[in-house]
Amino acid sequence: MADVLVTGASGFIGSHLVARLASQGHVVRATLRTKEAGPFIPKETETLLIDTVGASTEWSKALAGVETVYHLAARVHVMRERSSDPLELYREVNVAGTLRLARQAANAGVRRLVFLSSVKVHGEETDVPYQEDSPLVPKDPYGVSKLEAEEALLRIGRESGLAIVILRPPLVYGPGVKANFLKLMRWVAKGWPLPLGKTSNLRTLLFVGNLVDALIRCADLPPGSERIYLVGDKEELSTTELICCLASALGVPVRLFPIPSNLLLLAGRLTGHQAAVARLVGSLRVDSTRIRSELTWVPPFSLEEGLAKTVRWFRSGNAFVERRP
């Protein structure tokens, strides 16, 4: 009988979480979107196929006997959005699907639900580190849906006694990473010259091993708890520094040429890539004081260790195998 349920276990973060929980002796049940399990999930893990998360998803079989639910399943940022109403799609999965799970979890006697939200509920850019009580100003449908899910979860927790713990991470990297971070690694590995030699921004990143550690630590909170935590690595760095660190870990020369950030932003506006450029040159900082103080949590991996593990995975060739979501 499983004591822990991880939704979205076929994803980048979910597969790492399942592996760590299993290594600690938990009996884990994992829900997947496809029959293919995530790359780090132990073969003996009990898996259930739940290909669609929404207002009518049936979770009862997955929840049987479970004490803690880690809810990671979500509709994430879509690079080439084709829907005329993307917010509706995000709400169906990230809001309605989350509420459906929480209500059924409460009815099934689950003690706590740990929800993976996003720093995007606060916004996209800040020079002053976000704290948990910083204004909530999401800028895109994904961020809006995560905020609405948070608010609904807290209501359900107060009504039912289900402990709700919410984590808001920034960009997560590590073995299995996809999207923009993987793209940046490929650019650096190929030695492409990049116009990012003059960024003075600061960004908080989060190694997947540190996030998994924080998620598991949240299960130590007593029943009936209600907590929200921002979580990030100890170190902050600029985009220029990140590229230099990646190049060093990859053992390749750094090829950067200095272009002022305001000119890069102008080029982004003219070419329709303003948001992507803003993420490269803007600051996004996270203050993790609350989780470190209340849970005595310290990130177990440094930036150097996290990047080294990511580069080892990248060099293994797995980063060049395209995986269907």
Protein backbone atom coordinates (compact mmCIF):
# COMPACT_ATOMS: atom_id res chain seq x y z
CA MET A 1 0.00 0.00 0.00
CA ALA A 2 1.48 3.32 -1.08
CA ASP A 3 1.88 6.09 1.51
CA VAL A 4 2.80 8.81 -0.99
CA LEU A 5 1.26 9.90 -4.28
CA VAL A 6 3.20 11.96 -6.84
CA THR A 7 1.20 13.40 -9.73
CA GLY A 8 3.00 14.44 -12.88
CA ALA A 9 5.68 11.84 -12.17
CA SER A 10 6.64 11.46 -15.84
CA GLY A 11 7.91 15.04 -15.88
CA PHE A 12 11.37 16.45 -15.21
CA ILE A 13 10.80 17.28 -11.53
CA GLY A 14 8.35 14.48 -10.81
CA SER A 15 10.69 11.68 -11.83
CA HIS A 16 13.43 13.06 -9.56
CA LEU A 17 10.98 13.34 -6.66
CA VAL A 18 9.77 9.75 -7.06
CA ALA A 19 13.34 8.45 -7.15
CA ARG A 20 14.31 10.34 -3.98
CA LEU A 21 11.19 9.28 -2.08
CA ALA A 22 11.74 5.65 -3.04
CA SER A 23 15.38 5.83 -1.94
CA GLN A 24 14.18 7.04 1.48
CA GLY A 25 11.96 4.00 1.94
CA HIS A 26 8.59 5.45 0.96
CA VAL A 27 6.15 3.31 -0.95
CA VAL A 28 5.37 5.61 -3.85
CA ARG A 29 2.46 5.63 -6.26
CA ALA A 30 3.03 7.76 -9.35
CA THR A 31 0.56 9.06 -11.91
CA LEU A 32 1.75 9.42 -15.49
CA ARG A 33 0.38 11.13 -18.60
CA THR A 34 1.80 8.44 -20.88
CA LYS A 35 2.84 4.82 -20.44
CA GLU A 36 6.46 5.92 -20.54
CA ALA A 37 7.74 6.64 -17.04
CA GLY A 38 10.16 9.45 -16.33
CA PRO A 39 13.86 8.68 -16.80
CA PHE A 40 14.70 8.50 -13.08
CA ILE A 41 11.69 6.55 -11.76
CA PRO A 42 12.59 3.16 -10.25
CA LYS A 43 11.13 0.24 -12.19
CA GLU A 44 9.33 -1.15 -9.12
CA THR A 45 7.29 2.05 -8.63
CA GLU A 46 3.52 1.59 -8.80
CA THR A 47 2.24 3.72 -11.68
CA LEU A 48 -1.20 4.76 -12.82
CA LEU A 49 -2.05 6.33 -16.15
CA ILE A 50 -4.00 9.59 -15.84
CA ASP A 51 -3.63 11.21 -19.22
CA THR A 52 -6.03 14.10 -18.66
CA VAL A 53 -6.18 16.29 -15.55
CA GLY A 54 -9.28 18.40 -15.17
CA ALA A 55 -12.58 18.94 -13.42
CA SER A 56 -13.78 15.36 -14.00
CA THR A 57 -10.58 13.38 -13.35
CA GLU A 58 -11.15 10.40 -11.07
CA TRP A 59 -8.42 10.17 -8.43
CA SER A 60 -9.93 7.67 -5.97
CA LYS A 61 -7.75 4.71 -7.00
CA ALA A 62 -4.61 6.82 -6.90
CA LEU A 63 -5.46 8.22 -3.45
CA ALA A 64 -6.26 4.94 -1.68
CA GLY A 65 -4.16 4.59 1.47
CA VAL A 66 -2.10 7.71 0.78
CA GLU A 67 -1.04 10.13 3.53
CA THR A 68 0.77 12.78 1.46
CA VAL A 69 0.12 13.99 -2.08
CA TYR A 70 2.74 15.87 -4.07
CA HIS A 71 0.82 17.58 -6.84
CA LEU A 72 3.15 18.40 -9.73
CA ALA A 73 0.89 17.63 -12.70
CA ALA A 74 0.18 20.85 -14.58
CA ARG A 75 -0.17 22.51 -17.92
CA VAL A 76 3.15 24.31 -18.14
CA HIS A 77 4.30 27.23 -20.25
CA VAL A 78 3.65 26.55 -23.94
CA MET A 79 6.25 28.12 -26.23
CA ARG A 80 4.09 28.22 -29.35
CA GLU A 81 0.59 28.74 -28.02
CA ARG A 82 -2.07 28.14 -30.67
CA SER A 83 -5.21 28.35 -28.56
CA SER A 84 -7.38 31.45 -28.95
CA ASP A 85 -8.09 31.27 -25.19
CA PRO A 86 -5.02 29.81 -23.46
CA LEU A 87 -6.19 30.90 -20.02
CA GLU A 88 -9.19 28.58 -20.31
CA LEU A 89 -6.87 25.63 -20.99
CA TYR A 90 -4.58 26.51 -18.10
CA ARG A 91 -7.55 26.87 -15.76
CA GLU A 92 -8.98 23.49 -16.71
CA VAL A 93 -5.79 21.65 -15.77
CA ASN A 94 -4.10 23.86 -13.19
CA VAL A 95 -7.18 25.12 -11.35
CA ALA A 96 -10.11 22.77 -11.92
CA GLY A 97 -7.87 19.70 -11.98
CA THR A 98 -6.11 20.72 -8.77
CA LEU A 99 -9.39 21.43 -6.98
CA ARG A 100 -10.79 18.07 -8.03
CA LEU A 101 -7.72 16.32 -6.63
CA ALA A 102 -7.78 18.29 -3.36
CA ARG A 103 -11.45 17.61 -2.68
CA GLN A 104 -11.08 13.90 -3.36
CA ALA A 105 -7.90 13.81 -1.27
CA ALA A 106 -9.70 15.38 1.69
CA ASN A 107 -12.56 12.89 1.34
CA ALA A 108 -10.08 9.99 1.16
CA GLY A 109 -8.43 10.96 4.45
CA VAL A 110 -5.18 12.28 2.98
CA ARG A 111 -3.33 14.30 5.63
CA ARG A 112 -1.46 16.83 3.47
CA LEU A 113 -1.12 18.08 -0.09
CA VAL A 114 2.13 19.70 -1.24
CA PHE A 115 1.49 21.85 -4.30
CA LEU A 116 4.17 22.94 -6.75
CA SER A 117 3.25 26.46 -7.77
CA SER A 118 5.57 29.04 -9.35
CA VAL A 119 7.33 32.31 -8.64
CA LYS A 120 5.32 33.55 -11.63
CA VAL A 121 2.40 34.25 -9.27
CA HIS A 122 4.43 37.32 -8.23
CA GLY A 123 5.48 38.37 -11.71
CA GLU A 124 8.29 37.99 -14.20
CA GLU A 125 11.03 40.34 -13.00
CA THR A 126 12.29 41.97 -9.82
CA ASP A 127 15.51 43.60 -8.61
CA VAL A 128 14.33 43.30 -4.99
CA PRO A 129 13.94 39.63 -4.00
CA TYR A 130 10.37 38.39 -3.89
CA GLN A 131 9.09 37.35 -0.47
CA GLU A 132 5.96 35.37 0.29
CA ASP A 133 4.01 38.55 1.07
CA SER A 134 5.19 40.41 -2.06
CA PRO A 135 2.38 41.59 -4.38
CA LEU A 136 0.80 38.89 -6.51
CA VAL A 137 0.82 40.19 -10.09
CA PRO A 138 1.05 37.29 -12.55
CA LYS A 139 1.77 38.39 -16.11
CA ASP A 140 0.71 35.37 -18.17
CA PRO A 141 -2.06 32.74 -18.20
CA TYR A 142 0.18 30.16 -16.55
CA GLY A 143 0.93 32.45 -13.61
CA VAL A 144 -2.73 33.45 -13.30
CA SER A 145 -3.82 29.80 -13.19
CA LYS A 146 -1.23 28.93 -10.54
CA LEU A 147 -2.37 31.81 -8.34
CA GLU A 148 -6.03 30.84 -8.71
CA ALA A 149 -5.13 27.24 -7.82
CA GLU A 150 -3.26 28.41 -4.70
CA GLU A 151 -6.21 30.47 -3.51
CA ALA A 152 -8.68 27.64 -4.07
CA LEU A 153 -6.43 25.09 -2.35
CA LEU A 154 -6.14 27.25 0.74
CA ARG A 155 -9.94 27.53 0.93
CA ILE A 156 -10.35 23.76 0.66
CA GLY A 157 -7.69 23.19 3.30
CA ARG A 158 -9.39 25.52 5.77
CA GLU A 159 -12.77 23.90 5.16
CA SER A 160 -11.59 20.28 5.32
CA GLY A 161 -8.53 20.24 7.56
CA LEU A 162 -6.32 19.03 4.71
CA ALA A 163 -2.85 20.47 5.27
CA ILE A 164 -1.83 22.62 2.29
CA VAL A 165 1.81 23.46 1.61
CA ILE A 166 2.65 25.58 -1.45
CA LEU A 167 6.12 25.97 -2.95
CA ARG A 168 6.93 28.74 -5.43
CA PRO A 169 10.17 27.94 -7.29
CA PRO A 170 11.98 30.02 -9.92
CA LEU A 171 13.60 28.38 -12.97
CA VAL A 172 14.56 24.77 -12.12
CA TYR A 173 17.56 23.08 -13.75
CA GLY A 174 19.22 19.70 -13.47
CA PRO A 175 19.47 16.33 -15.25
CA GLY A 176 16.46 16.01 -17.57
CA VAL A 177 15.90 19.77 -17.89
CA LYS A 178 14.19 20.95 -21.06
CA ALA A 179 13.07 24.21 -22.66
CA ASN A 180 15.20 27.35 -22.41
CA PHE A 181 17.88 26.06 -20.04
CA LEU A 182 18.60 23.08 -22.28
CA LYS A 183 18.65 25.37 -25.30
CA LEU A 184 21.18 27.64 -23.58
CA MET A 185 23.39 24.65 -22.74
CA ARG A 186 23.36 23.55 -26.37
CA TRP A 187 24.34 27.04 -27.54
CA VAL A 188 27.24 27.16 -25.09
CA ALA A 189 28.39 23.60 -25.89
CA LYS A 190 28.45 24.37 -29.62
CA GLY A 191 30.56 27.45 -29.01
CA TRP A 192 28.08 29.85 -30.53
CA PRO A 193 28.97 33.50 -29.86
CA LEU A 194 26.28 35.06 -27.69
CA PRO A 195 25.53 38.79 -27.25
CA LEU A 196 25.27 38.43 -23.48
CA GLY A 197 28.66 39.56 -22.26
CA LYS A 198 27.39 42.68 -20.55
CA THR A 199 24.39 41.65 -18.42
CA SER A 200 24.34 43.00 -14.88
CA ASN A 201 21.14 41.26 -13.83
CA LEU A 202 20.73 38.84 -10.91
CA ARG A 203 18.65 35.68 -11.05
CA THR A 204 17.84 33.01 -8.51
CA LEU A 205 17.83 29.51 -9.95
CA LEU A 206 16.96 26.20 -8.30
CA PHE A 207 18.69 22.87 -8.78
CA VAL A 208 16.17 20.04 -9.04
CA GLY A 209 17.89 18.17 -6.21
CA ASN A 210 17.37 21.15 -3.93
CA LEU A 211 13.73 21.47 -4.94
CA VAL A 212 13.09 17.78 -4.31
CA ASP A 213 14.71 18.10 -0.88
CA ALA A 214 12.47 21.07 -0.04
CA LEU A 215 9.34 19.27 -1.26
CA ILE A 216 10.06 16.28 0.96
CA ARG A 217 10.87 18.49 3.94
CA CYS A 218 7.41 20.05 3.62
CA ALA A 219 5.85 16.68 4.49
CA ASP A 220 7.26 17.07 8.01
CA LEU A 221 4.74 19.81 8.76
CA PRO A 222 1.96 18.66 11.12
CA PRO A 223 -1.60 17.95 9.96
CA GLY A 224 -3.71 21.07 9.58
CA SER A 225 -0.73 23.21 8.60
CA GLU A 226 -0.99 25.94 5.96
CA ARG A 227 2.26 27.22 4.54
CA ILE A 228 3.55 29.07 1.47
CA TYR A 229 7.26 29.09 0.68
CA LEU A 230 9.48 30.65 -1.94
CA VAL A 231 12.47 28.42 -2.56
CA GLY A 232 15.75 28.90 -4.42
CA ASP A 233 19.45 28.08 -4.46
CA LYS A 234 21.83 29.96 -2.17
CA GLU A 235 23.65 31.65 -5.04
CA GLU A 236 22.46 34.38 -7.38
CA LEU A 237 24.14 35.09 -10.68
CA SER A 238 23.83 37.11 -13.86
CA THR A 239 23.16 35.58 -17.25
CA THR A 240 26.76 36.35 -18.19
CA GLU A 241 27.99 34.51 -15.08
CA LEU A 242 25.68 31.56 -15.77
CA ILE A 243 27.04 31.19 -19.30
CA CYS A 244 30.61 31.34 -17.98
CA CYS A 245 29.82 28.70 -15.34
CA LEU A 246 28.24 26.43 -17.97
CA ALA A 247 31.19 26.87 -20.30
CA SER A 248 33.60 26.01 -17.49
CA ALA A 249 31.63 22.90 -16.53
CA LEU A 250 31.42 21.84 -20.18
CA GLY A 251 35.11 22.50 -20.72
CA VAL A 252 34.55 24.82 -23.67
CA PRO A 253 35.71 28.39 -24.29
CA VAL A 254 33.37 31.26 -23.51
CA ARG A 255 32.28 33.16 -26.60
CA LEU A 256 30.50 36.32 -25.51
CA PHE A 257 30.42 39.78 -26.96
CA PRO A 258 29.10 42.76 -24.97
CA ILE A 259 25.85 44.28 -26.17
CA PRO A 260 24.04 46.66 -23.77
CA SER A 261 20.85 45.19 -22.36
CA ASN A 262 18.72 48.09 -23.61
CA LEU A 263 19.79 47.34 -27.18
CA LEU A 264 18.99 43.64 -26.73
CA LEU A 265 15.53 44.56 -25.41
CA LEU A 266 14.97 46.84 -28.40
CA ALA A 267 15.97 44.04 -30.76
CA GLY A 268 13.59 41.73 -28.91
CA ARG A 269 10.69 44.14 -29.40
CA LEU A 270 11.45 44.55 -33.08
CA THR A 271 11.67 40.81 -33.70
CA GLY A 272 8.75 39.71 -31.53
CA HIS A 273 10.98 38.04 -28.91
CA GLN A 274 10.67 40.65 -26.19
CA ALA A 275 9.65 38.22 -23.43
CA ALA A 276 12.49 35.82 -24.18
CA VAL A 277 15.08 38.60 -24.21
CA ALA A 278 13.68 40.08 -21.00
CA ARG A 279 14.20 36.75 -19.24
CA LEU A 280 17.84 36.75 -20.32
CA VAL A 281 18.71 40.29 -19.27
CA GLY A 282 16.22 40.99 -16.47
CA SER A 283 16.54 40.17 -12.77
CA LEU A 284 14.33 37.71 -10.91
CA ARG A 285 15.36 37.18 -7.32
CA VAL A 286 13.82 35.00 -4.61
CA ASP A 287 14.18 35.27 -0.83
CA SER A 288 14.09 31.78 0.73
CA THR A 289 14.45 32.98 4.33
CA ARG A 290 11.07 31.67 5.49
CA ILE A 291 11.52 28.03 4.47
CA ARG A 292 15.10 27.99 5.72
CA SER A 293 14.03 29.42 9.08
CA GLU A 294 10.78 27.51 9.69
CA LEU A 295 11.94 24.13 8.37
CA THR A 296 15.67 24.58 9.07
CA TRP A 297 16.11 23.83 5.38
CA VAL A 298 19.48 24.29 3.71
CA PRO A 299 19.91 23.53 -0.01
CA PRO A 300 22.02 20.34 -0.04
CA PHE A 301 23.63 21.15 -3.41
CA SER A 302 25.67 24.19 -4.36
CA LEU A 303 25.39 25.88 -7.75
CA GLU A 304 28.70 24.30 -8.78
CA GLU A 305 27.48 20.82 -7.80
CA GLY A 306 24.13 21.32 -9.51
CA LEU A 307 25.67 22.49 -12.77
CA ALA A 308 28.22 19.64 -12.67
CA LYS A 309 25.44 17.05 -12.34
CA THR A 310 23.48 18.72 -15.12
CA VAL A 311 26.50 18.76 -17.43
CA ARG A 312 27.25 15.09 -16.77
CA TRP A 313 23.71 14.24 -17.84
CA PHE A 314 24.02 16.52 -20.86
CA ARG A 315 27.25 14.86 -21.96
CA SER A 316 25.70 11.40 -21.59
CA GLY A 317 23.74 12.08 -24.78
CA ASN A 318 20.30 11.94 -23.16
CA ALA A 319 19.88 15.68 -23.68
CA PHE A 320 19.90 15.13 -27.43
CA VAL A 321 17.11 12.54 -27.41
CA GLU A 322 13.82 14.30 -28.01
CA ARG A 323 11.11 12.96 -25.72
CA ARG A 324 7.42 13.39 -26.40
CA PRO A 325 5.53 15.05 -23.51
